[in-house]
């Protein structure tokens, strides 16, 4: 199983749990693009801010 497949499975279960438990929760996405000093980073990736 690839890292991306594991992430998708985890996020699917996590989103269902949060939607069931937390009223008013909105799941927007799992990774967001951030550019720092000309370097592309994505929140949620294993290489964040090293």
Protein backbone atom coordinates (compact mmCIF):
# COMPACT_ATOMS: atom_id res chain seq x y z
CA UNK A 1 0.00 0.00 0.00
CA UNK A 2 1.45 3.37 -1.00
CA UNK A 3 1.77 6.34 1.33
CA UNK A 4 -0.96 8.14 -0.66
CA UNK A 5 -3.35 5.17 -0.31
CA UNK A 6 -2.75 5.02 3.45
CA UNK A 7 -3.34 8.77 3.72
CA UNK A 8 -6.61 8.56 1.76
CA UNK A 9 -7.88 5.67 3.90
CA UNK A 10 -6.95 7.43 7.15
CA UNK A 11 -8.54 10.72 6.07
CA UNK A 12 -11.73 8.96 5.00
CA UNK A 13 -12.14 7.34 8.42
CA UNK A 14 -11.06 10.52 10.25
CA UNK A 15 -13.54 12.70 8.34
CA UNK A 16 -16.40 10.30 9.07
CA UNK A 17 -15.51 10.27 12.77
CA UNK A 18 -15.26 14.06 13.02
CA UNK A 19 -18.49 14.58 11.07
CA UNK A 20 -20.26 12.17 13.42
CA UNK A 21 -18.86 13.61 16.66
CA UNK A 22 -18.40 17.33 15.96
CA UNK A 23 -21.41 19.40 15.01
CA UNK A 24 -20.66 22.09 12.40
CA UNK A 25 -17.38 20.57 11.19
CA UNK A 26 -16.44 21.03 7.53
CA UNK A 27 -13.64 18.97 6.01
CA UNK A 28 -11.98 21.22 3.43
CA UNK A 29 -8.96 19.19 2.34
CA UNK A 30 -5.91 17.27 3.40
CA UNK A 31 -3.01 19.16 1.83
CA UNK A 32 -2.63 22.85 1.13
CA UNK A 33 0.09 24.50 -0.95
CA UNK A 34 2.45 26.87 0.88
CA UNK A 35 5.38 28.65 -0.77
CA UNK A 36 8.24 29.66 1.53
CA UNK A 37 11.38 31.25 0.13
CA UNK A 38 10.58 29.95 -3.35
CA UNK A 39 10.18 26.38 -2.06
CA UNK A 40 6.86 24.57 -2.53
CA UNK A 41 5.55 22.87 0.60
CA UNK A 42 2.29 21.07 1.28
CA UNK A 43 0.74 20.89 4.73
CA UNK A 44 0.17 17.32 5.70
CA UNK A 45 3.14 15.93 3.78
CA UNK A 46 5.91 14.06 5.54
CA UNK A 47 8.48 16.70 4.50
CA UNK A 48 6.78 19.70 6.16
CA UNK A 49 9.08 22.51 7.28
CA UNK A 50 12.34 20.60 7.58
